[in-house]
Amino acid sequence: MSDDAAIDLEAVARDIDALDGSQQRLTEHLQAMAGVDPATPTDLPEWTLGHVMTHIARNADSTIRMLAGLPQYWKGVESRASDIELGAGRSWAELVQDVAATNEAVTRAMRAVTDWTGSAHGTTAVRPKVNLPEMRRREVEVHHADLGLGYGFADMPGDFVACETRRLTMLWQARQPMGLTTLPQPVLSLPEHERLAWLFGRRVVEGVEPAGLI
């Protein structure tokens, strides 16, 4: 949906609904837990629960900034990193409230948009504004799994798994030498959600080099 003249507003509405569902699942999962130590390590090296949850919340803020035509982070990658470190040491209750509130804020902001033309200025690239709902959903789903709190790639919605597997497979193929156009057989033999985990760099497949996409 990168062509401004061909934006399908019904498709955008579906993308926002799908994002809202992913955010609500994350919020409800976190709110159902109590007494969790924010310093608990996650599946991301050197990041605790506090780091990942703060990143999810600050990514929500950055999504709203991009919706408004502003750069994603107020001072680029530098402020992204500092904001995560500043927020990582908060209490579990504060972290959960931050994630819940910013999830709701993203949904409200997206439902209020009347013009989806134009660009979003991310830290690494300029992308069509209309891609923001799926970009935010990607952050929510993958980092929900990264928390290591019982939600994994097997729990992700089927439409998300199918779409992201196609997207990342095409990206992987585009980066391969000419003639190498299919994923390694051990990866192809995996269930789709596990293949996606490998593509995202969240699963090791014996005898196969990492996908190297993320």
N, C-alpha and C. Protein backbone atom coordinates (compact mmCIF):
# COMPACT_ATOMS: atom_id res chain seq x y z
N MET A 1 0.83 -1.20 0.00
CA MET A 1 0.00 0.00 0.00
C MET A 1 0.87 1.26 0.00
N SER A 2 1.91 1.25 -0.81
CA SER A 2 2.84 2.36 -0.81
C SER A 2 2.47 3.46 -1.80
N ASP A 3 1.53 3.19 -2.70
CA ASP A 3 1.13 4.19 -3.69
C ASP A 3 0.02 5.05 -3.11
N ASP A 4 0.33 6.36 -2.92
CA ASP A 4 -0.66 7.26 -2.29
C ASP A 4 -1.99 7.23 -3.02
N ALA A 5 -1.97 7.12 -4.35
CA ALA A 5 -3.20 7.19 -5.13
C ALA A 5 -4.04 5.93 -5.00
N ALA A 6 -3.45 4.86 -4.46
CA ALA A 6 -4.15 3.59 -4.41
C ALA A 6 -4.40 3.12 -2.99
N ILE A 7 -4.39 4.02 -2.04
CA ILE A 7 -4.59 3.63 -0.65
C ILE A 7 -6.01 3.11 -0.45
N ASP A 8 -6.10 1.93 0.11
CA ASP A 8 -7.37 1.28 0.39
C ASP A 8 -7.71 1.53 1.86
N LEU A 9 -8.63 2.46 2.11
CA LEU A 9 -8.94 2.84 3.48
C LEU A 9 -9.57 1.69 4.28
N GLU A 10 -10.28 0.81 3.60
CA GLU A 10 -10.84 -0.35 4.30
C GLU A 10 -9.73 -1.28 4.76
N ALA A 11 -8.69 -1.42 3.92
CA ALA A 11 -7.55 -2.26 4.31
C ALA A 11 -6.80 -1.61 5.48
N VAL A 12 -6.68 -0.29 5.46
CA VAL A 12 -6.03 0.40 6.58
C VAL A 12 -6.81 0.17 7.87
N ALA A 13 -8.13 0.26 7.78
CA ALA A 13 -8.98 0.03 8.96
C ALA A 13 -8.78 -1.39 9.50
N ARG A 14 -8.65 -2.35 8.60
CA ARG A 14 -8.41 -3.73 9.04
C ARG A 14 -7.04 -3.85 9.71
N ASP A 15 -6.05 -3.15 9.16
CA ASP A 15 -4.72 -3.18 9.77
C ASP A 15 -4.75 -2.59 11.19
N ILE A 16 -5.51 -1.52 11.36
CA ILE A 16 -5.62 -0.90 12.69
C ILE A 16 -6.34 -1.84 13.66
N ASP A 17 -7.40 -2.49 13.18
CA ASP A 17 -8.11 -3.45 14.03
C ASP A 17 -7.19 -4.59 14.46
N ALA A 18 -6.37 -5.07 13.50
CA ALA A 18 -5.44 -6.16 13.82
C ALA A 18 -4.40 -5.70 14.84
N LEU A 19 -3.90 -4.48 14.67
CA LEU A 19 -2.96 -3.93 15.64
C LEU A 19 -3.60 -3.81 17.00
N ASP A 20 -4.82 -3.30 17.03
CA ASP A 20 -5.53 -3.14 18.30
C ASP A 20 -5.67 -4.48 19.01
N GLY A 21 -5.97 -5.53 18.25
CA GLY A 21 -6.08 -6.86 18.84
C GLY A 21 -4.76 -7.32 19.44
N SER A 22 -3.66 -7.10 18.73
CA SER A 22 -2.34 -7.49 19.23
C SER A 22 -1.98 -6.71 20.49
N GLN A 23 -2.28 -5.41 20.50
CA GLN A 23 -1.97 -4.61 21.68
C GLN A 23 -2.83 -5.00 22.87
N GLN A 24 -4.10 -5.29 22.62
CA GLN A 24 -4.97 -5.70 23.73
C GLN A 24 -4.52 -7.02 24.33
N ARG A 25 -4.08 -7.96 23.48
CA ARG A 25 -3.59 -9.24 24.02
C ARG A 25 -2.37 -9.02 24.90
N LEU A 26 -1.48 -8.14 24.47
CA LEU A 26 -0.30 -7.84 25.27
C LEU A 26 -0.70 -7.22 26.60
N THR A 27 -1.56 -6.21 26.56
CA THR A 27 -1.98 -5.54 27.78
C THR A 27 -2.65 -6.51 28.75
N GLU A 28 -3.56 -7.31 28.24
CA GLU A 28 -4.28 -8.25 29.11
C GLU A 28 -3.34 -9.29 29.70
N HIS A 29 -2.38 -9.74 28.92
CA HIS A 29 -1.40 -10.72 29.41
C HIS A 29 -0.60 -10.13 30.57
N LEU A 30 -0.12 -8.90 30.39
CA LEU A 30 0.69 -8.27 31.44
C LEU A 30 -0.14 -7.95 32.67
N GLN A 31 -1.37 -7.48 32.47
CA GLN A 31 -2.22 -7.13 33.61
C GLN A 31 -2.63 -8.34 34.42
N ALA A 32 -2.61 -9.51 33.81
CA ALA A 32 -2.99 -10.74 34.51
C ALA A 32 -1.87 -11.28 35.39
N MET A 33 -0.68 -10.71 35.26
CA MET A 33 0.47 -11.18 36.01
C MET A 33 0.75 -10.23 37.18
N ALA A 34 1.28 -10.79 38.26
CA ALA A 34 1.59 -9.96 39.43
C ALA A 34 2.90 -10.43 40.04
N GLY A 35 3.58 -9.50 40.69
CA GLY A 35 4.79 -9.85 41.39
C GLY A 35 5.96 -10.23 40.50
N VAL A 36 5.95 -9.77 39.27
CA VAL A 36 7.04 -10.09 38.36
C VAL A 36 8.19 -9.12 38.58
N ASP A 37 9.40 -9.63 38.61
CA ASP A 37 10.57 -8.79 38.82
C ASP A 37 10.98 -8.16 37.49
N PRO A 38 10.93 -6.83 37.37
CA PRO A 38 11.29 -6.18 36.11
C PRO A 38 12.74 -6.41 35.69
N ALA A 39 13.57 -6.85 36.64
CA ALA A 39 14.99 -7.10 36.33
C ALA A 39 15.21 -8.49 35.74
N THR A 40 14.13 -9.27 35.57
CA THR A 40 14.25 -10.61 35.00
C THR A 40 14.77 -10.53 33.57
N PRO A 41 15.78 -11.34 33.23
CA PRO A 41 16.29 -11.34 31.85
C PRO A 41 15.22 -11.81 30.87
N THR A 42 15.31 -11.33 29.64
CA THR A 42 14.38 -11.74 28.59
C THR A 42 15.13 -12.55 27.53
N ASP A 43 14.45 -12.85 26.44
CA ASP A 43 15.09 -13.58 25.35
C ASP A 43 16.00 -12.69 24.52
N LEU A 44 16.04 -11.40 24.81
CA LEU A 44 16.95 -10.48 24.12
C LEU A 44 18.19 -10.26 24.98
N PRO A 45 19.36 -10.50 24.44
CA PRO A 45 20.60 -10.35 25.22
C PRO A 45 20.71 -8.98 25.89
N GLU A 46 21.02 -9.00 27.19
CA GLU A 46 21.27 -7.79 27.98
C GLU A 46 20.04 -6.93 28.23
N TRP A 47 18.88 -7.39 27.81
CA TRP A 47 17.66 -6.63 28.07
C TRP A 47 16.79 -7.38 29.09
N THR A 48 16.38 -6.66 30.12
CA THR A 48 15.46 -7.19 31.12
C THR A 48 14.02 -6.96 30.68
N LEU A 49 13.09 -7.46 31.49
CA LEU A 49 11.68 -7.17 31.21
C LEU A 49 11.46 -5.66 31.18
N GLY A 50 12.11 -4.95 32.09
CA GLY A 50 11.97 -3.50 32.13
C GLY A 50 12.41 -2.84 30.85
N HIS A 51 13.50 -3.34 30.26
CA HIS A 51 13.97 -2.78 28.99
C HIS A 51 12.96 -3.02 27.86
N VAL A 52 12.51 -4.26 27.74
CA VAL A 52 11.62 -4.60 26.62
C VAL A 52 10.28 -3.87 26.75
N MET A 53 9.73 -3.85 27.96
CA MET A 53 8.44 -3.18 28.14
C MET A 53 8.55 -1.67 27.91
N THR A 54 9.66 -1.09 28.36
CA THR A 54 9.86 0.35 28.11
C THR A 54 10.01 0.60 26.62
N HIS A 55 10.72 -0.28 25.93
CA HIS A 55 10.88 -0.11 24.48
C HIS A 55 9.53 -0.18 23.77
N ILE A 56 8.67 -1.13 24.17
CA ILE A 56 7.35 -1.24 23.56
C ILE A 56 6.56 0.07 23.74
N ALA A 57 6.64 0.63 24.95
CA ALA A 57 5.90 1.86 25.24
C ALA A 57 6.47 3.06 24.49
N ARG A 58 7.81 3.16 24.45
CA ARG A 58 8.42 4.30 23.76
C ARG A 58 8.27 4.17 22.24
N ASN A 59 8.20 2.93 21.75
CA ASN A 59 7.92 2.74 20.33
C ASN A 59 6.51 3.23 20.01
N ALA A 60 5.59 3.04 20.94
CA ALA A 60 4.23 3.57 20.75
C ALA A 60 4.28 5.09 20.62
N ASP A 61 5.01 5.73 21.53
CA ASP A 61 5.15 7.18 21.45
C ASP A 61 5.74 7.60 20.11
N SER A 62 6.75 6.85 19.66
CA SER A 62 7.42 7.20 18.41
C SER A 62 6.50 6.99 17.21
N THR A 63 5.60 6.02 17.31
CA THR A 63 4.63 5.81 16.24
C THR A 63 3.69 7.00 16.12
N ILE A 64 3.26 7.52 17.26
CA ILE A 64 2.39 8.69 17.27
C ILE A 64 3.13 9.90 16.70
N ARG A 65 4.42 10.01 17.00
CA ARG A 65 5.22 11.10 16.43
C ARG A 65 5.24 11.00 14.91
N MET A 66 5.45 9.80 14.39
CA MET A 66 5.50 9.63 12.93
C MET A 66 4.15 9.89 12.30
N LEU A 67 3.07 9.52 12.97
CA LEU A 67 1.74 9.84 12.46
C LEU A 67 1.55 11.34 12.29
N ALA A 68 2.21 12.11 13.16
CA ALA A 68 2.10 13.57 13.13
C ALA A 68 3.10 14.21 12.18
N GLY A 69 3.89 13.38 11.47
CA GLY A 69 4.85 13.91 10.52
C GLY A 69 6.19 14.28 11.13
N LEU A 70 6.44 13.86 12.38
CA LEU A 70 7.69 14.17 13.07
C LEU A 70 8.68 13.01 12.93
N PRO A 71 9.96 13.26 13.17
CA PRO A 71 10.92 12.15 13.20
C PRO A 71 10.55 11.15 14.30
N GLN A 72 10.90 9.89 14.11
CA GLN A 72 10.45 8.84 15.02
C GLN A 72 10.84 9.10 16.48
N TYR A 73 12.09 9.43 16.71
CA TYR A 73 12.55 9.72 18.07
C TYR A 73 13.09 11.14 18.10
N TRP A 74 12.89 11.81 19.22
CA TRP A 74 13.19 13.24 19.27
C TRP A 74 14.66 13.54 19.04
N LYS A 75 15.55 12.60 19.36
CA LYS A 75 16.97 12.80 19.12
C LYS A 75 17.58 11.54 18.50
N GLY A 76 16.80 10.88 17.62
CA GLY A 76 17.29 9.72 16.91
C GLY A 76 17.59 8.52 17.81
N VAL A 77 18.53 7.68 17.39
CA VAL A 77 18.84 6.46 18.13
C VAL A 77 19.38 6.77 19.51
N GLU A 78 19.99 7.94 19.67
CA GLU A 78 20.53 8.31 20.98
C GLU A 78 19.44 8.44 22.01
N SER A 79 18.37 9.14 21.68
CA SER A 79 17.27 9.30 22.64
C SER A 79 16.50 8.00 22.81
N ARG A 80 16.42 7.18 21.75
CA ARG A 80 15.78 5.86 21.87
C ARG A 80 16.47 5.06 22.95
N ALA A 81 17.78 4.97 22.90
CA ALA A 81 18.53 4.17 23.86
C ALA A 81 18.44 4.75 25.27
N SER A 82 18.57 6.07 25.39
CA SER A 82 18.53 6.68 26.72
C SER A 82 17.16 6.56 27.36
N ASP A 83 16.11 6.70 26.58
CA ASP A 83 14.75 6.57 27.13
C ASP A 83 14.50 5.16 27.64
N ILE A 84 15.02 4.16 26.93
CA ILE A 84 14.84 2.78 27.37
C ILE A 84 15.57 2.55 28.69
N GLU A 85 16.80 3.02 28.79
CA GLU A 85 17.56 2.85 30.03
C GLU A 85 16.91 3.58 31.19
N LEU A 86 16.40 4.78 30.94
CA LEU A 86 15.76 5.56 32.00
C LEU A 86 14.52 4.87 32.55
N GLY A 87 13.79 4.17 31.66
CA GLY A 87 12.53 3.57 32.10
C GLY A 87 12.63 2.14 32.58
N ALA A 88 13.74 1.49 32.32
CA ALA A 88 13.85 0.05 32.59
C ALA A 88 13.80 -0.31 34.06
N GLY A 89 14.17 0.61 34.94
CA GLY A 89 14.24 0.29 36.36
C GLY A 89 12.96 0.55 37.14
N ARG A 90 11.88 0.89 36.46
CA ARG A 90 10.62 1.16 37.16
C ARG A 90 9.99 -0.11 37.72
N SER A 91 8.98 0.06 38.55
CA SER A 91 8.28 -1.08 39.13
C SER A 91 7.45 -1.79 38.07
N TRP A 92 7.06 -3.04 38.37
CA TRP A 92 6.22 -3.81 37.44
C TRP A 92 4.92 -3.07 37.15
N ALA A 93 4.28 -2.54 38.20
CA ALA A 93 3.01 -1.84 38.01
C ALA A 93 3.17 -0.64 37.10
N GLU A 94 4.25 0.12 37.27
CA GLU A 94 4.48 1.29 36.43
C GLU A 94 4.72 0.89 34.98
N LEU A 95 5.46 -0.18 34.78
CA LEU A 95 5.75 -0.64 33.42
C LEU A 95 4.48 -1.10 32.72
N VAL A 96 3.66 -1.87 33.43
CA VAL A 96 2.41 -2.37 32.83
C VAL A 96 1.49 -1.21 32.48
N GLN A 97 1.39 -0.25 33.38
CA GLN A 97 0.53 0.92 33.11
C GLN A 97 1.03 1.70 31.90
N ASP A 98 2.33 1.83 31.78
CA ASP A 98 2.91 2.55 30.64
C ASP A 98 2.58 1.85 29.33
N VAL A 99 2.76 0.54 29.29
CA VAL A 99 2.44 -0.22 28.08
C VAL A 99 0.96 -0.10 27.75
N ALA A 100 0.10 -0.28 28.76
CA ALA A 100 -1.34 -0.22 28.54
C ALA A 100 -1.77 1.15 28.01
N ALA A 101 -1.28 2.20 28.65
CA ALA A 101 -1.69 3.57 28.26
C ALA A 101 -1.21 3.93 26.86
N THR A 102 0.02 3.57 26.54
CA THR A 102 0.55 3.92 25.22
C THR A 102 -0.06 3.07 24.12
N ASN A 103 -0.41 1.82 24.43
CA ASN A 103 -1.15 1.00 23.46
C ASN A 103 -2.46 1.68 23.08
N GLU A 104 -3.19 2.12 24.10
CA GLU A 104 -4.47 2.79 23.86
C GLU A 104 -4.27 4.09 23.07
N ALA A 105 -3.21 4.81 23.39
CA ALA A 105 -2.95 6.08 22.71
C ALA A 105 -2.67 5.87 21.22
N VAL A 106 -1.95 4.80 20.89
CA VAL A 106 -1.67 4.51 19.48
C VAL A 106 -2.96 4.23 18.73
N THR A 107 -3.81 3.40 19.31
CA THR A 107 -5.07 3.06 18.65
C THR A 107 -5.92 4.30 18.42
N ARG A 108 -6.03 5.14 19.45
CA ARG A 108 -6.82 6.38 19.31
C ARG A 108 -6.24 7.27 18.21
N ALA A 109 -4.93 7.42 18.21
CA ALA A 109 -4.28 8.30 17.23
C ALA A 109 -4.50 7.79 15.81
N MET A 110 -4.39 6.48 15.63
CA MET A 110 -4.56 5.92 14.29
C MET A 110 -6.00 6.03 13.81
N ARG A 111 -6.94 5.81 14.71
CA ARG A 111 -8.35 5.91 14.30
C ARG A 111 -8.75 7.35 13.98
N ALA A 112 -7.96 8.31 14.45
CA ALA A 112 -8.26 9.71 14.20
C ALA A 112 -7.66 10.22 12.88
N VAL A 113 -6.79 9.44 12.26
CA VAL A 113 -6.14 9.88 11.02
C VAL A 113 -7.16 9.89 9.88
N THR A 114 -7.19 10.97 9.14
CA THR A 114 -8.09 11.06 7.98
C THR A 114 -7.32 11.06 6.65
N ASP A 115 -6.03 11.28 6.72
CA ASP A 115 -5.21 11.31 5.50
C ASP A 115 -4.00 10.39 5.68
N TRP A 116 -4.00 9.26 4.97
CA TRP A 116 -2.92 8.29 5.09
C TRP A 116 -1.87 8.43 4.00
N THR A 117 -1.92 9.50 3.24
CA THR A 117 -0.88 9.72 2.24
C THR A 117 0.37 10.27 2.94
N GLY A 118 1.46 10.30 2.22
CA GLY A 118 2.68 10.87 2.77
C GLY A 118 3.59 9.82 3.38
N SER A 119 4.62 10.30 4.06
CA SER A 119 5.69 9.44 4.55
C SER A 119 5.83 9.50 6.06
N ALA A 120 6.43 8.43 6.61
CA ALA A 120 6.77 8.36 8.02
C ALA A 120 8.29 8.32 8.11
N HIS A 121 8.85 9.18 8.96
CA HIS A 121 10.30 9.32 9.04
C HIS A 121 10.85 8.51 10.20
N GLY A 122 11.24 7.26 9.92
CA GLY A 122 11.81 6.40 10.93
C GLY A 122 13.29 6.65 11.11
N THR A 123 13.89 6.00 12.09
CA THR A 123 15.31 6.22 12.36
C THR A 123 16.20 5.63 11.28
N THR A 124 15.73 4.59 10.58
CA THR A 124 16.57 3.93 9.58
C THR A 124 16.10 4.16 8.15
N ALA A 125 14.86 4.60 7.97
CA ALA A 125 14.35 4.77 6.62
C ALA A 125 13.08 5.62 6.63
N VAL A 126 12.76 6.17 5.47
CA VAL A 126 11.49 6.87 5.26
C VAL A 126 10.56 5.89 4.57
N ARG A 127 9.39 5.66 5.17
CA ARG A 127 8.44 4.68 4.65
C ARG A 127 7.07 5.32 4.47
N PRO A 128 6.20 4.69 3.68
CA PRO A 128 4.85 5.23 3.54
C PRO A 128 4.14 5.27 4.90
N LYS A 129 3.47 6.35 5.16
CA LYS A 129 2.72 6.51 6.41
C LYS A 129 1.72 5.38 6.60
N VAL A 130 1.16 4.91 5.51
CA VAL A 130 0.12 3.87 5.56
C VAL A 130 0.66 2.55 6.11
N ASN A 131 1.99 2.40 6.16
CA ASN A 131 2.58 1.17 6.69
C ASN A 131 2.68 1.17 8.21
N LEU A 132 2.40 2.29 8.86
CA LEU A 132 2.59 2.39 10.30
C LEU A 132 1.80 1.37 11.13
N PRO A 133 0.53 1.08 10.80
CA PRO A 133 -0.17 0.07 11.61
C PRO A 133 0.52 -1.29 11.61
N GLU A 134 0.97 -1.75 10.44
CA GLU A 134 1.62 -3.06 10.41
C GLU A 134 3.00 -3.00 11.03
N MET A 135 3.70 -1.87 10.93
CA MET A 135 5.00 -1.73 11.57
C MET A 135 4.86 -1.79 13.09
N ARG A 136 3.88 -1.10 13.62
CA ARG A 136 3.66 -1.12 15.07
C ARG A 136 3.23 -2.52 15.52
N ARG A 137 2.39 -3.19 14.74
CA ARG A 137 1.95 -4.53 15.12
C ARG A 137 3.15 -5.48 15.17
N ARG A 138 4.07 -5.31 14.25
CA ARG A 138 5.28 -6.16 14.23
C ARG A 138 6.06 -5.99 15.53
N GLU A 139 6.23 -4.74 15.96
CA GLU A 139 6.94 -4.47 17.21
C GLU A 139 6.24 -5.14 18.39
N VAL A 140 4.93 -5.02 18.43
CA VAL A 140 4.16 -5.56 19.55
C VAL A 140 4.23 -7.09 19.59
N GLU A 141 3.98 -7.74 18.46
CA GLU A 141 3.96 -9.20 18.45
C GLU A 141 5.32 -9.80 18.77
N VAL A 142 6.35 -9.31 18.12
CA VAL A 142 7.68 -9.91 18.31
C VAL A 142 8.21 -9.64 19.72
N HIS A 143 8.04 -8.43 20.21
CA HIS A 143 8.54 -8.13 21.55
C HIS A 143 7.67 -8.76 22.65
N HIS A 144 6.40 -9.01 22.35
CA HIS A 144 5.58 -9.77 23.28
C HIS A 144 6.21 -11.14 23.50
N ALA A 145 6.66 -11.75 22.41
CA ALA A 145 7.33 -13.05 22.51
C ALA A 145 8.69 -12.92 23.20
N ASP A 146 9.40 -11.83 22.92
CA ASP A 146 10.73 -11.64 23.51
C ASP A 146 10.70 -11.57 25.03
N LEU A 147 9.56 -11.16 25.59
CA LEU A 147 9.46 -11.07 27.05
C LEU A 147 9.70 -12.41 27.73
N GLY A 148 9.41 -13.50 27.04
CA GLY A 148 9.62 -14.82 27.64
C GLY A 148 8.66 -15.14 28.77
N LEU A 149 7.46 -14.61 28.68
CA LEU A 149 6.47 -14.80 29.75
C LEU A 149 5.35 -15.75 29.35
N GLY A 150 5.61 -16.62 28.39
CA GLY A 150 4.62 -17.62 28.02
C GLY A 150 3.94 -17.38 26.69
N TYR A 151 4.26 -16.28 26.04
CA TYR A 151 3.71 -15.98 24.71
C TYR A 151 4.83 -16.16 23.70
N GLY A 152 4.59 -17.02 22.70
CA GLY A 152 5.62 -17.28 21.71
C GLY A 152 5.11 -17.18 20.30
N PHE A 153 5.95 -17.53 19.34
CA PHE A 153 5.57 -17.44 17.93
C PHE A 153 4.38 -18.35 17.61
N ALA A 154 4.24 -19.45 18.33
CA ALA A 154 3.11 -20.36 18.10
C ALA A 154 1.79 -19.74 18.53
N ASP A 155 1.85 -18.68 19.36
CA ASP A 155 0.63 -18.02 19.85
C ASP A 155 0.22 -16.83 19.00
N MET A 156 1.06 -16.46 18.05
CA MET A 156 0.77 -15.28 17.23
C MET A 156 -0.37 -15.55 16.26
N PRO A 157 -1.15 -14.52 15.92
CA PRO A 157 -2.27 -14.69 14.98
C PRO A 157 -1.78 -15.23 13.64
N GLY A 158 -2.58 -16.11 13.04
CA GLY A 158 -2.20 -16.74 11.79
C GLY A 158 -1.95 -15.75 10.67
N ASP A 159 -2.76 -14.69 10.60
CA ASP A 159 -2.57 -13.72 9.52
C ASP A 159 -1.24 -12.99 9.66
N PHE A 160 -0.84 -12.71 10.90
CA PHE A 160 0.44 -12.06 11.13
C PHE A 160 1.58 -12.97 10.73
N VAL A 161 1.52 -14.23 11.16
CA VAL A 161 2.58 -15.18 10.84
C VAL A 161 2.72 -15.35 9.33
N ALA A 162 1.60 -15.51 8.64
CA ALA A 162 1.65 -15.72 7.19
C ALA A 162 2.22 -14.50 6.47
N CYS A 163 1.76 -13.31 6.83
CA CYS A 163 2.20 -12.08 6.17
C CYS A 163 3.68 -11.82 6.42
N GLU A 164 4.11 -11.96 7.68
CA GLU A 164 5.50 -11.68 8.01
C GLU A 164 6.44 -12.74 7.44
N THR A 165 5.98 -13.98 7.36
CA THR A 165 6.82 -15.02 6.76
C THR A 165 7.05 -14.72 5.29
N ARG A 166 6.00 -14.30 4.59
CA ARG A 166 6.16 -13.92 3.18
C ARG A 166 7.10 -12.74 3.03
N ARG A 167 6.90 -11.72 3.85
CA ARG A 167 7.71 -10.50 3.75
C ARG A 167 9.18 -10.80 3.99
N LEU A 168 9.48 -11.52 5.07
CA LEU A 168 10.87 -11.77 5.41
C LEU A 168 11.51 -12.80 4.48
N THR A 169 10.72 -13.73 3.96
CA THR A 169 11.27 -14.67 2.98
C THR A 169 11.70 -13.93 1.73
N MET A 170 10.89 -13.00 1.27
CA MET A 170 11.25 -12.20 0.10
C MET A 170 12.49 -11.36 0.37
N LEU A 171 12.60 -10.80 1.58
CA LEU A 171 13.77 -10.02 1.94
C LEU A 171 15.01 -10.90 1.97
N TRP A 172 14.88 -12.10 2.54
CA TRP A 172 16.01 -13.05 2.59
C TRP A 172 16.45 -13.41 1.18
N GLN A 173 15.49 -13.70 0.31
CA GLN A 173 15.81 -14.07 -1.07
C GLN A 173 16.53 -12.94 -1.80
N ALA A 174 16.10 -11.72 -1.55
CA ALA A 174 16.69 -10.56 -2.24
C ALA A 174 18.15 -10.36 -1.84
N ARG A 175 18.54 -10.88 -0.69
CA ARG A 175 19.91 -10.68 -0.21
C ARG A 175 20.84 -11.85 -0.53
N GLN A 176 20.32 -12.88 -1.20
CA GLN A 176 21.12 -14.06 -1.51
C GLN A 176 21.82 -13.93 -2.86
N PRO A 177 22.91 -14.69 -3.06
CA PRO A 177 23.56 -14.72 -4.37
C PRO A 177 22.57 -15.21 -5.43
N MET A 178 22.79 -14.79 -6.66
CA MET A 178 21.90 -15.21 -7.74
C MET A 178 21.85 -16.73 -7.83
N GLY A 179 20.66 -17.25 -7.99
CA GLY A 179 20.47 -18.69 -8.09
C GLY A 179 20.00 -19.32 -6.80
N LEU A 180 20.25 -18.67 -5.66
CA LEU A 180 19.79 -19.19 -4.38
C LEU A 180 18.50 -18.48 -4.02
N THR A 181 17.38 -19.11 -4.36
CA THR A 181 16.10 -18.42 -4.23
C THR A 181 15.13 -19.08 -3.26
N THR A 182 15.53 -20.19 -2.66
CA THR A 182 14.65 -20.85 -1.70
C THR A 182 15.35 -20.92 -0.35
N LEU A 183 14.56 -20.91 0.70
CA LEU A 183 15.12 -21.04 2.04
C LEU A 183 15.80 -22.39 2.19
N PRO A 184 16.77 -22.49 3.10
CA PRO A 184 17.41 -23.79 3.35
C PRO A 184 16.37 -24.85 3.71
N GLN A 185 16.58 -26.08 3.24
CA GLN A 185 15.59 -27.14 3.45
C GLN A 185 15.25 -27.36 4.92
N PRO A 186 16.23 -27.35 5.84
CA PRO A 186 15.86 -27.52 7.25
C PRO A 186 14.90 -26.43 7.75
N VAL A 187 15.00 -25.22 7.18
CA VAL A 187 14.10 -24.14 7.57
C VAL A 187 12.73 -24.35 6.94
N LEU A 188 12.71 -24.76 5.67
CA LEU A 188 11.43 -25.02 4.99
C LEU A 188 10.66 -26.14 5.66
N SER A 189 11.37 -27.05 6.32
CA SER A 189 10.71 -28.20 6.95
C SER A 189 10.03 -27.82 8.27
N LEU A 190 10.32 -26.64 8.77
CA LEU A 190 9.76 -26.20 10.05
C LEU A 190 8.30 -25.78 9.88
N PRO A 191 7.49 -25.85 10.93
CA PRO A 191 6.17 -25.22 10.91
C PRO A 191 6.34 -23.72 10.64
N GLU A 192 5.33 -23.12 10.04
CA GLU A 192 5.48 -21.73 9.60
C GLU A 192 5.87 -20.79 10.73
N HIS A 193 5.30 -20.96 11.92
CA HIS A 193 5.62 -20.03 13.01
C HIS A 193 7.08 -20.18 13.45
N GLU A 194 7.64 -21.39 13.36
CA GLU A 194 9.04 -21.59 13.72
C GLU A 194 9.95 -21.03 12.62
N ARG A 195 9.51 -21.15 11.37
CA ARG A 195 10.26 -20.55 10.26
C ARG A 195 10.33 -19.04 10.45
N LEU A 196 9.21 -18.45 10.88
CA LEU A 196 9.19 -17.02 11.12
C LEU A 196 10.15 -16.65 12.25
N ALA A 197 10.18 -17.46 13.31
CA ALA A 197 11.10 -17.19 14.41
C ALA A 197 12.54 -17.20 13.91
N TRP A 198 12.88 -18.11 13.01
CA TRP A 198 14.24 -18.14 12.44
C TRP A 198 14.49 -16.89 11.61
N LEU A 199 13.53 -16.49 10.80
CA LEU A 199 13.69 -15.30 9.98
C LEU A 199 13.89 -14.05 10.83
N PHE A 200 13.25 -14.01 11.99
CA PHE A 200 13.40 -12.88 12.89
C PHE A 200 14.64 -12.99 13.77
N GLY A 201 15.40 -14.07 13.61
CA GLY A 201 16.60 -14.25 14.42
C GLY A 201 16.31 -14.71 15.83
N ARG A 202 15.13 -15.29 16.04
CA ARG A 202 14.74 -15.75 17.37
C ARG A 202 14.81 -17.28 17.51
N ARG A 203 15.29 -17.98 16.52
CA ARG A 203 15.41 -19.43 16.58
C ARG A 203 16.66 -19.85 15.84
N VAL A 204 17.38 -20.81 16.44
CA VAL A 204 18.56 -21.37 15.81
C VAL A 204 18.18 -22.68 15.15
N VAL A 205 18.59 -22.87 13.91
CA VAL A 205 18.36 -24.12 13.19
C VAL A 205 19.73 -24.77 12.98
N GLU A 206 19.88 -25.96 13.51
CA GLU A 206 21.16 -26.65 13.45
C GLU A 206 21.64 -26.81 12.00
N GLY A 207 22.89 -26.43 11.76
CA GLY A 207 23.50 -26.57 10.45
C GLY A 207 23.14 -25.46 9.47
N VAL A 208 22.40 -24.46 9.91
CA VAL A 208 21.98 -23.36 9.03
C VAL A 208 22.45 -22.04 9.60
N GLU A 209 23.01 -21.20 8.74
CA GLU A 209 23.43 -19.88 9.19
C GLU A 209 22.21 -19.04 9.58
N PRO A 210 22.35 -18.12 10.53
CA PRO A 210 21.23 -17.24 10.87
C PRO A 210 20.74 -16.48 9.64
N ALA A 211 19.47 -16.11 9.65
CA ALA A 211 18.89 -15.40 8.51
C ALA A 211 19.59 -14.05 8.29
N GLY A 212 19.99 -13.40 9.38
CA GLY A 212 20.72 -12.15 9.26
C GLY A 212 19.90 -10.98 8.76
N LEU A 213 18.61 -11.00 9.01
CA LEU A 213 17.74 -9.93 8.52
C LEU A 213 17.49 -8.85 9.56
N ILE A 214 17.59 -9.19 10.84
CA ILE A 214 17.24 -8.28 11.92
C ILE A 214 18.49 -7.86 12.68
